[in-house]
Amino acid sequence: MKILVCISNVPDTTSKINFTDGDTKFDSNGVQFVINPNDEFGLTRAMWFKEKQGATVHVANVGLATTEPTIRKALAIGADEAIRINAEPTDGFFVAQQLAEVVKNGGYDLVIAGRESIDYNGGMVPGILATLLDMNFVNTCVSLEVDGTNATAMREIDGGKEKIATSLPLIIGGQKGLVEESDLRIPNMRGIMMARKKALNVVEPVDASKATQDTKFEKPEAKGAVKLVDNVDDLINLLHNEAKAI
């Protein structure tokens, strides 16, 4: 089985976010970037398929050279090979078109993407990718088993979970539950050293459409001052007359 894991390079959630040029551009100065958490769950599941079923695991990222430390981390975790599409990931449609070309050229049986990235939270790429490639697709996937060309997936739905029987080739939009947080892997020294010898192939982007454009970013409003209350009567009065919550 040949697996492609799609990797997004996103700001660490502890980073302080700022914008420049009249709030029209993201300021990356001083920001620590990491593997998108939903993608990391997918990568960890792919490593299980590698170790238990002998799968080959490649990772792909749409990004400029600044994303390579993140890609190298994926290699250090255990991916066999990496592909970087040398383009700024301007929107989900553009990214999906670039990844579709990689999938078509690579002949992958299983494509694992995160259901969304934590920077823009668009949640578009896996579904668009499946549509472009006319492949089976399971989103919000929290469990995946593969037996030959048959696959069994579990996905979250409103009010519960749904079990789906499908077949390869398959694209999933994975999330927490695909593996648990305790299963996530930290690269060890041996993995880091081996990653330096693994192939990181840089390919130029194909001509593709850009369906959206960012015009302005806006931070959430600052939280108001906290008001401490030391008795229930005052709390009820504030909730009723000031907050209008009751």
C-alpha atoms as a PDB file:
ATOM      1  CA  MET A   1       0.000   0.000   0.000  1.00  0.00           C
ATOM      2  CA  LYS A   2       1.295   3.421  -0.957  1.00  0.00           C
ATOM      3  CA  ILE A   3       0.178   6.283   1.296  1.00  0.00           C
ATOM      4  CA  LEU A   4       0.411  10.046   0.853  1.00  0.00           C
ATOM      5  CA  VAL A   5      -0.001  12.225   3.941  1.00  0.00           C
ATOM      6  CA  CYS A   6      -0.779  15.884   3.223  1.00  0.00           C
ATOM      7  CA  ILE A   7       1.064  18.197   5.619  1.00  0.00           C
ATOM      8  CA  SER A   8       0.199  21.819   6.405  1.00  0.00           C
ATOM      9  CA  ASN A   9       2.740  24.154   7.977  1.00  0.00           C
ATOM     10  CA  VAL A  10       0.806  26.146  10.601  1.00  0.00           C
ATOM     11  CA  PRO A  11       1.608  28.540  13.471  1.00  0.00           C
ATOM     12  CA  ASP A  12       1.915  26.980  16.901  1.00  0.00           C
ATOM     13  CA  THR A  13      -1.186  27.832  18.921  1.00  0.00           C
ATOM     14  CA  THR A  14       1.005  29.514  21.564  1.00  0.00           C
ATOM     15  CA  SER A  15       2.412  31.999  19.043  1.00  0.00           C
ATOM     16  CA  LYS A  16       1.438  35.658  19.209  1.00  0.00           C
ATOM     17  CA  ILE A  17      -0.255  36.564  15.926  1.00  0.00           C
ATOM     18  CA  ASN A  18       0.111  39.941  14.220  1.00  0.00           C
ATOM     19  CA  PHE A  19      -0.685  41.407  10.815  1.00  0.00           C
ATOM     20  CA  THR A  20       1.051  43.998   8.628  1.00  0.00           C
ATOM     21  CA  ASP A  21       0.275  46.262   5.667  1.00  0.00           C
ATOM     22  CA  GLY A  22      -2.998  47.523   7.089  1.00  0.00           C
ATOM     23  CA  ASP A  23      -3.981  44.068   8.401  1.00  0.00           C
ATOM     24  CA  THR A  24      -3.839  42.558   4.924  1.00  0.00           C
ATOM     25  CA  LYS A  25      -0.820  40.254   5.446  1.00  0.00           C
ATOM     26  CA  PHE A  26       0.120  37.752   8.135  1.00  0.00           C
ATOM     27  CA  ASP A  27       3.328  38.661  10.007  1.00  0.00           C
ATOM     28  CA  SER A  28       5.406  35.494  10.390  1.00  0.00           C
ATOM     29  CA  ASN A  29       8.245  37.167  12.307  1.00  0.00           C
ATOM     30  CA  GLY A  30       8.880  35.363  15.565  1.00  0.00           C
ATOM     31  CA  VAL A  31       6.200  32.739  14.887  1.00  0.00           C
ATOM     32  CA  GLN A  32       6.981  29.074  15.538  1.00  0.00           C
ATOM     33  CA  PHE A  33       5.538  26.756  12.876  1.00  0.00           C
ATOM     34  CA  VAL A  34       4.511  23.131  13.384  1.00  0.00           C
ATOM     35  CA  ILE A  35       2.791  20.244  11.603  1.00  0.00           C
ATOM     36  CA  ASN A  36      -0.937  20.883  11.531  1.00  0.00           C
ATOM     37  CA  PRO A  37      -2.355  18.788  14.413  1.00  0.00           C
ATOM     38  CA  ASN A  38      -5.006  17.041  12.290  1.00  0.00           C
ATOM     39  CA  ASP A  39      -2.269  16.109   9.805  1.00  0.00           C
ATOM     40  CA  GLU A  40      -0.081  14.799  12.625  1.00  0.00           C
ATOM     41  CA  PHE A  41      -2.845  12.403  13.675  1.00  0.00           C
ATOM     42  CA  GLY A  42      -2.955  11.205  10.064  1.00  0.00           C
ATOM     43  CA  LEU A  43       0.816  10.811   9.844  1.00  0.00           C
ATOM     44  CA  THR A  44       0.848   8.741  13.018  1.00  0.00           C
ATOM     45  CA  ARG A  45      -1.844   6.447  11.607  1.00  0.00           C
ATOM     46  CA  ALA A  46       0.139   6.114   8.385  1.00  0.00           C
ATOM     47  CA  MET A  47       3.172   5.047  10.417  1.00  0.00           C
ATOM     48  CA  TRP A  48       1.046   2.291  11.967  1.00  0.00           C
ATOM     49  CA  PHE A  49       0.211   1.024   8.461  1.00  0.00           C
ATOM     50  CA  LYS A  50       3.919   1.143   7.602  1.00  0.00           C
ATOM     51  CA  GLU A  51       4.961  -0.847  10.642  1.00  0.00           C
ATOM     52  CA  LYS A  52       2.089  -3.366  10.663  1.00  0.00           C
ATOM     53  CA  GLN A  53       1.364  -3.782   6.952  1.00  0.00           C
ATOM     54  CA  GLY A  54       4.567  -2.700   5.208  1.00  0.00           C
ATOM     55  CA  ALA A  55       3.071   0.421   3.641  1.00  0.00           C
ATOM     56  CA  THR A  56       5.218   3.077   1.980  1.00  0.00           C
ATOM     57  CA  VAL A  57       4.563   6.557   3.384  1.00  0.00           C
ATOM     58  CA  HIS A  58       5.211   9.823   1.548  1.00  0.00           C
ATOM     59  CA  VAL A  59       4.341  13.314   2.774  1.00  0.00           C
ATOM     60  CA  ALA A  60       3.459  16.339   0.638  1.00  0.00           C
ATOM     61  CA  ASN A  61       3.285  20.036   1.420  1.00  0.00           C
ATOM     62  CA  VAL A  62       2.359  23.075  -0.626  1.00  0.00           C
ATOM     63  CA  GLY A  63       4.716  25.802   0.566  1.00  0.00           C
ATOM     64  CA  LEU A  64       7.918  27.731   0.099  1.00  0.00           C
ATOM     65  CA  ALA A  65      11.365  26.750   1.378  1.00  0.00           C
ATOM     66  CA  THR A  66      10.505  28.050   4.856  1.00  0.00           C
ATOM     67  CA  THR A  67       8.262  24.997   5.371  1.00  0.00           C
ATOM     68  CA  GLU A  68      11.099  22.488   5.017  1.00  0.00           C
ATOM     69  CA  PRO A  69      11.862  22.180   8.780  1.00  0.00           C
ATOM     70  CA  THR A  70       8.271  21.020   9.258  1.00  0.00           C
ATOM     71  CA  ILE A  71       8.604  18.538   6.389  1.00  0.00           C
ATOM     72  CA  ARG A  72      11.876  17.251   7.853  1.00  0.00           C
ATOM     73  CA  LYS A  73      10.086  16.605  11.135  1.00  0.00           C
ATOM     74  CA  ALA A  74       7.614  14.395   9.261  1.00  0.00           C
ATOM     75  CA  LEU A  75      10.555  12.504   7.770  1.00  0.00           C
ATOM     76  CA  ALA A  76      12.134  12.179  11.222  1.00  0.00           C
ATOM     77  CA  ILE A  77       8.884  10.705  12.547  1.00  0.00           C
ATOM     78  CA  GLY A  78       9.275   7.983   9.918  1.00  0.00           C
ATOM     79  CA  ALA A  79       7.916   9.014   6.506  1.00  0.00           C
ATOM     80  CA  ASP A  80       9.974   7.527   3.670  1.00  0.00           C
ATOM     81  CA  GLU A  81      10.003  10.475   1.279  1.00  0.00           C
ATOM     82  CA  ALA A  82       8.736  14.043   1.042  1.00  0.00           C
ATOM     83  CA  ILE A  83       7.444  16.289  -1.728  1.00  0.00           C
ATOM     84  CA  ARG A  84       7.289  20.072  -1.489  1.00  0.00           C
ATOM     85  CA  ILE A  85       5.259  21.896  -4.105  1.00  0.00           C
ATOM     86  CA  ASN A  86       7.095  25.202  -4.410  1.00  0.00           C
ATOM     87  CA  ALA A  87       4.185  27.632  -4.089  1.00  0.00           C
ATOM     88  CA  GLU A  88       2.486  29.875  -1.565  1.00  0.00           C
ATOM     89  CA  PRO A  89      -0.680  28.071  -0.380  1.00  0.00           C
ATOM     90  CA  THR A  90      -3.027  30.918  -1.219  1.00  0.00           C
ATOM     91  CA  ASP A  91      -6.353  29.117  -0.814  1.00  0.00           C
ATOM     92  CA  GLY A  92      -7.855  25.663  -0.406  1.00  0.00           C
ATOM     93  CA  PHE A  93      -8.819  25.230  -4.055  1.00  0.00           C
ATOM     94  CA  PHE A  94      -5.300  26.085  -5.214  1.00  0.00           C
ATOM     95  CA  VAL A  95      -3.730  23.691  -2.673  1.00  0.00           C
ATOM     96  CA  ALA A  96      -6.079  20.856  -3.651  1.00  0.00           C
ATOM     97  CA  GLN A  97      -5.205  21.263  -7.330  1.00  0.00           C
ATOM     98  CA  GLN A  98      -1.491  21.034  -6.553  1.00  0.00           C
ATOM     99  CA  LEU A  99      -1.946  17.948  -4.375  1.00  0.00           C
ATOM    100  CA  ALA A 100      -4.160  16.327  -7.013  1.00  0.00           C
ATOM    101  CA  GLU A 101      -1.262  16.458  -9.460  1.00  0.00           C
ATOM    102  CA  VAL A 102       1.024  14.766  -6.912  1.00  0.00           C
ATOM    103  CA  VAL A 103      -1.537  12.009  -6.291  1.00  0.00           C
ATOM    104  CA  LYS A 104      -2.044  11.374 -10.000  1.00  0.00           C
ATOM    105  CA  ASN A 105       1.699  11.156 -10.645  1.00  0.00           C
ATOM    106  CA  GLY A 106       2.413   9.069  -7.546  1.00  0.00           C
ATOM    107  CA  GLY A 107      -0.218   6.354  -7.894  1.00  0.00           C
ATOM    108  CA  TYR A 108      -1.226   6.429  -4.215  1.00  0.00           C
ATOM    109  CA  ASP A 109      -3.719   3.983  -2.756  1.00  0.00           C
ATOM    110  CA  LEU A 110      -4.551   6.051   0.326  1.00  0.00           C
ATOM    111  CA  VAL A 111      -4.371   9.817   0.824  1.00  0.00           C
ATOM    112  CA  ILE A 112      -4.589  11.067   4.398  1.00  0.00           C
ATOM    113  CA  ALA A 113      -5.277  14.759   4.945  1.00  0.00           C
ATOM    114  CA  GLY A 114      -6.389  16.620   8.033  1.00  0.00           C
ATOM    115  CA  ARG A 115     -10.066  17.587   7.993  1.00  0.00           C
ATOM    116  CA  GLU A 116      -8.908  21.211   8.343  1.00  0.00           C
ATOM    117  CA  SER A 117      -5.811  23.244   9.174  1.00  0.00           C
ATOM    118  CA  ILE A 118      -5.742  25.278  12.369  1.00  0.00           C
ATOM    119  CA  ASP A 119      -4.637  28.505  10.661  1.00  0.00           C
ATOM    120  CA  TYR A 120      -7.592  29.236   8.334  1.00  0.00           C
ATOM    121  CA  ASN A 121      -9.903  26.369   9.379  1.00  0.00           C
ATOM    122  CA  GLY A 122     -11.307  26.204   5.863  1.00  0.00           C
ATOM    123  CA  GLY A 123     -11.915  22.449   5.840  1.00  0.00           C
ATOM    124  CA  MET A 124     -11.940  22.452   2.027  1.00  0.00           C
ATOM    125  CA  VAL A 125      -8.848  20.621   0.795  1.00  0.00           C
ATOM    126  CA  PRO A 126      -9.706  16.916   1.344  1.00  0.00           C
ATOM    127  CA  GLY A 127     -13.169  17.183  -0.213  1.00  0.00           C
ATOM    128  CA  ILE A 128     -12.009  19.214  -3.196  1.00  0.00           C
ATOM    129  CA  LEU A 129      -9.095  16.813  -3.687  1.00  0.00           C
ATOM    130  CA  ALA A 130     -11.450  13.807  -3.722  1.00  0.00           C
ATOM    131  CA  THR A 131     -13.718  15.567  -6.233  1.00  0.00           C
ATOM    132  CA  LEU A 132     -10.841  16.448  -8.558  1.00  0.00           C
ATOM    133  CA  LEU A 133      -9.550  12.861  -8.472  1.00  0.00           C
ATOM    134  CA  ASP A 134     -12.963  11.118  -8.398  1.00  0.00           C
ATOM    135  CA  MET A 135     -11.869   9.016  -5.412  1.00  0.00           C
ATOM    136  CA  ASN A 136     -13.796   7.633  -2.446  1.00  0.00           C
ATOM    137  CA  PHE A 137     -13.835  10.101   0.453  1.00  0.00           C
ATOM    138  CA  VAL A 138     -14.519   9.952   4.185  1.00  0.00           C
ATOM    139  CA  ASN A 139     -14.370  13.208   6.166  1.00  0.00           C
ATOM    140  CA  THR A 140     -14.111  13.766   9.955  1.00  0.00           C
ATOM    141  CA  CYS A 141     -12.544  10.313  10.108  1.00  0.00           C
ATOM    142  CA  VAL A 142     -11.745   8.990  13.601  1.00  0.00           C
ATOM    143  CA  SER A 143     -10.872   5.376  12.761  1.00  0.00           C
ATOM    144  CA  LEU A 144      -9.443   3.612   9.720  1.00  0.00           C
ATOM    145  CA  GLU A 145      -8.614  -0.034   9.020  1.00  0.00           C
ATOM    146  CA  VAL A 146      -7.400  -1.413   5.685  1.00  0.00           C
ATOM    147  CA  ASP A 147      -7.488  -5.059   4.565  1.00  0.00           C
ATOM    148  CA  GLY A 148      -6.158  -5.463   1.049  1.00  0.00           C
ATOM    149  CA  THR A 149      -8.192  -3.072  -1.087  1.00  0.00           C
ATOM    150  CA  ASN A 150     -11.057  -2.913   1.420  1.00  0.00           C
ATOM    151  CA  ALA A 151     -11.265  -0.197   4.061  1.00  0.00           C
ATOM    152  CA  THR A 152     -13.434   0.336   7.112  1.00  0.00           C
ATOM    153  CA  ALA A 153     -13.705   3.879   8.442  1.00  0.00           C
ATOM    154  CA  MET A 154     -15.501   5.541  11.302  1.00  0.00           C
ATOM    155  CA  ARG A 155     -16.503   9.179  11.065  1.00  0.00           C
ATOM    156  CA  GLU A 156     -18.079  11.644  13.450  1.00  0.00           C
ATOM    157  CA  ILE A 157     -21.598  12.802  12.642  1.00  0.00           C
ATOM    158  CA  ASP A 158     -24.100  14.915  14.562  1.00  0.00           C
ATOM    159  CA  GLY A 159     -25.055  12.965  17.646  1.00  0.00           C
ATOM    160  CA  GLY A 160     -22.717  10.024  17.168  1.00  0.00           C
ATOM    161  CA  LYS A 161     -20.451   8.091  14.817  1.00  0.00           C
ATOM    162  CA  GLU A 162     -20.999   6.336  11.512  1.00  0.00           C
ATOM    163  CA  LYS A 163     -19.186   3.212  10.318  1.00  0.00           C
ATOM    164  CA  ILE A 164     -18.455   3.080   6.587  1.00  0.00           C
ATOM    165  CA  ALA A 165     -17.233   0.226   4.390  1.00  0.00           C
ATOM    166  CA  THR A 166     -15.372   1.473   1.317  1.00  0.00           C
ATOM    167  CA  SER A 167     -12.436   0.587  -0.896  1.00  0.00           C
ATOM    168  CA  LEU A 168      -9.102   1.906  -2.101  1.00  0.00           C
ATOM    169  CA  PRO A 169      -8.131   4.273  -3.603  1.00  0.00           C
ATOM    170  CA  LEU A 170      -9.418   6.429  -0.771  1.00  0.00           C
ATOM    171  CA  ILE A 171      -9.021   9.946   0.609  1.00  0.00           C
ATOM    172  CA  ILE A 172      -9.801  10.727   4.228  1.00  0.00           C
ATOM    173  CA  GLY A 173     -10.049  13.936   6.230  1.00  0.00           C
ATOM    174  CA  GLY A 174      -8.643  12.812   9.571  1.00  0.00           C
ATOM    175  CA  GLN A 175      -8.816  14.290  13.046  1.00  0.00           C
ATOM    176  CA  LYS A 176      -8.232  13.457  16.702  1.00  0.00           C
ATOM    177  CA  GLY A 177      -9.463   9.930  17.295  1.00  0.00           C
ATOM    178  CA  LEU A 178      -7.715   8.554  14.224  1.00  0.00           C
ATOM    179  CA  VAL A 179      -5.032   8.092  16.855  1.00  0.00           C
ATOM    180  CA  GLU A 180      -4.973   9.405  20.397  1.00  0.00           C
ATOM    181  CA  GLU A 181      -2.754  12.281  21.460  1.00  0.00           C
ATOM    182  CA  SER A 182      -0.719   9.856  23.573  1.00  0.00           C
ATOM    183  CA  ASP A 183       0.159   7.957  20.357  1.00  0.00           C
ATOM    184  CA  LEU A 184       1.739  10.985  18.642  1.00  0.00           C
ATOM    185  CA  ARG A 185       5.450  10.580  18.053  1.00  0.00           C
ATOM    186  CA  ILE A 186       8.343  12.825  18.939  1.00  0.00           C
ATOM    187  CA  PRO A 187      11.329  12.424  16.593  1.00  0.00           C
ATOM    188  CA  ASN A 188      14.290  10.772  18.309  1.00  0.00           C
ATOM    189  CA  MET A 189      17.930  11.370  17.447  1.00  0.00           C
ATOM    190  CA  ARG A 190      18.103   8.361  15.136  1.00  0.00           C
ATOM    191  CA  GLY A 191      15.032   9.552  13.245  1.00  0.00           C
ATOM    192  CA  ILE A 192      16.443  13.072  12.921  1.00  0.00           C
ATOM    193  CA  MET A 193      19.728  11.764  11.533  1.00  0.00           C
ATOM    194  CA  MET A 194      17.969   9.439   9.082  1.00  0.00           C
ATOM    195  CA  ALA A 195      15.705  12.275   7.915  1.00  0.00           C
ATOM    196  CA  ARG A 196      18.748  14.126   6.588  1.00  0.00           C
ATOM    197  CA  LYS A 197      19.369  11.294   4.131  1.00  0.00           C
ATOM    198  CA  LYS A 198      15.788  10.901   2.936  1.00  0.00           C
ATOM    199  CA  ALA A 199      14.585  12.455  -0.308  1.00  0.00           C
ATOM    200  CA  LEU A 200      12.866  15.823  -0.138  1.00  0.00           C
ATOM    201  CA  ASN A 201      11.758  16.478  -3.697  1.00  0.00           C
ATOM    202  CA  VAL A 202      10.869  20.014  -4.720  1.00  0.00           C
ATOM    203  CA  VAL A 203       8.471  20.309  -7.661  1.00  0.00           C
ATOM    204  CA  GLU A 204       7.125  23.411  -9.344  1.00  0.00           C
ATOM    205  CA  PRO A 205       3.381  24.099  -9.143  1.00  0.00           C
ATOM    206  CA  VAL A 206       1.021  23.435 -12.013  1.00  0.00           C
ATOM    207  CA  ASP A 207      -1.133  26.214 -13.408  1.00  0.00           C
ATOM    208  CA  ALA A 208      -4.146  26.356 -11.137  1.00  0.00           C
ATOM    209  CA  SER A 209      -7.053  28.581 -10.233  1.00  0.00           C
ATOM    210  CA  LYS A 210      -7.281  30.649  -7.085  1.00  0.00           C
ATOM    211  CA  ALA A 211     -10.915  30.853  -6.058  1.00  0.00           C
ATOM    212  CA  THR A 212     -10.568  33.217  -3.078  1.00  0.00           C
ATOM    213  CA  GLN A 213      -8.424  36.118  -1.912  1.00  0.00           C
ATOM    214  CA  ASP A 214      -7.782  37.461   1.573  1.00  0.00           C
ATOM    215  CA  THR A 215      -8.642  41.149   1.797  1.00  0.00           C
ATOM    216  CA  LYS A 216      -8.185  41.844   5.509  1.00  0.00           C
ATOM    217  CA  PHE A 217      -7.500  40.121   8.813  1.00  0.00           C
ATOM    218  CA  GLU A 218      -9.103  41.139  12.087  1.00  0.00           C
ATOM    219  CA  LYS A 219      -8.202  40.031  15.593  1.00  0.00           C
ATOM    220  CA  PRO A 220     -10.928  39.153  18.093  1.00  0.00           C
ATOM    221  CA  GLU A 221     -11.831  41.989  20.419  1.00  0.00           C
ATOM    222  CA  ALA A 222      -9.920  42.076  23.682  1.00  0.00           C
ATOM    223  CA  LYS A 223     -11.707  40.489  26.598  1.00  0.00           C
ATOM    224  CA  GLY A 224     -13.278  42.855  29.085  1.00  0.00           C
ATOM    225  CA  ALA A 225     -12.187  43.224  32.673  1.00  0.00           C
ATOM    226  CA  VAL A 226     -13.144  40.457  35.070  1.00  0.00           C
ATOM    227  CA  LYS A 227     -15.593  41.325  37.832  1.00  0.00           C
ATOM    228  CA  LEU A 228     -15.225  39.293  41.010  1.00  0.00           C
ATOM    229  CA  VAL A 229     -18.384  38.470  42.974  1.00  0.00           C
ATOM    230  CA  ASP A 230     -18.309  37.087  46.492  1.00  0.00           C
ATOM    231  CA  ASN A 231     -21.984  36.238  47.055  1.00  0.00           C
ATOM    232  CA  VAL A 232     -24.824  34.614  45.147  1.00  0.00           C
ATOM    233  CA  ASP A 233     -27.255  37.554  45.354  1.00  0.00           C
ATOM    234  CA  ASP A 234     -24.808  39.908  43.642  1.00  0.00           C
ATOM    235  CA  LEU A 235     -24.076  37.269  40.998  1.00  0.00           C
ATOM    236  CA  ILE A 236     -27.784  36.826  40.209  1.00  0.00           C
ATOM    237  CA  ASN A 237     -28.260  40.589  40.047  1.00  0.00           C
ATOM    238  CA  LEU A 238     -25.364  41.018  37.592  1.00  0.00           C
ATOM    239  CA  LEU A 239     -26.475  38.143  35.399  1.00  0.00           C
ATOM    240  CA  HIS A 240     -30.005  39.485  35.282  1.00  0.00           C
ATOM    241  CA  ASN A 241     -29.499  43.253  34.998  1.00  0.00           C
ATOM    242  CA  GLU A 242     -26.063  43.681  33.418  1.00  0.00           C
ATOM    243  CA  ALA A 243     -25.298  40.553  31.396  1.00  0.00           C
ATOM    244  CA  LYS A 244     -28.987  39.962  30.547  1.00  0.00           C
ATOM    245  CA  ALA A 245     -28.230  36.246  30.717  1.00  0.00           C
ATOM    246  CA  ILE A 246     -31.200  35.299  32.883  1.00  0.00           C
END
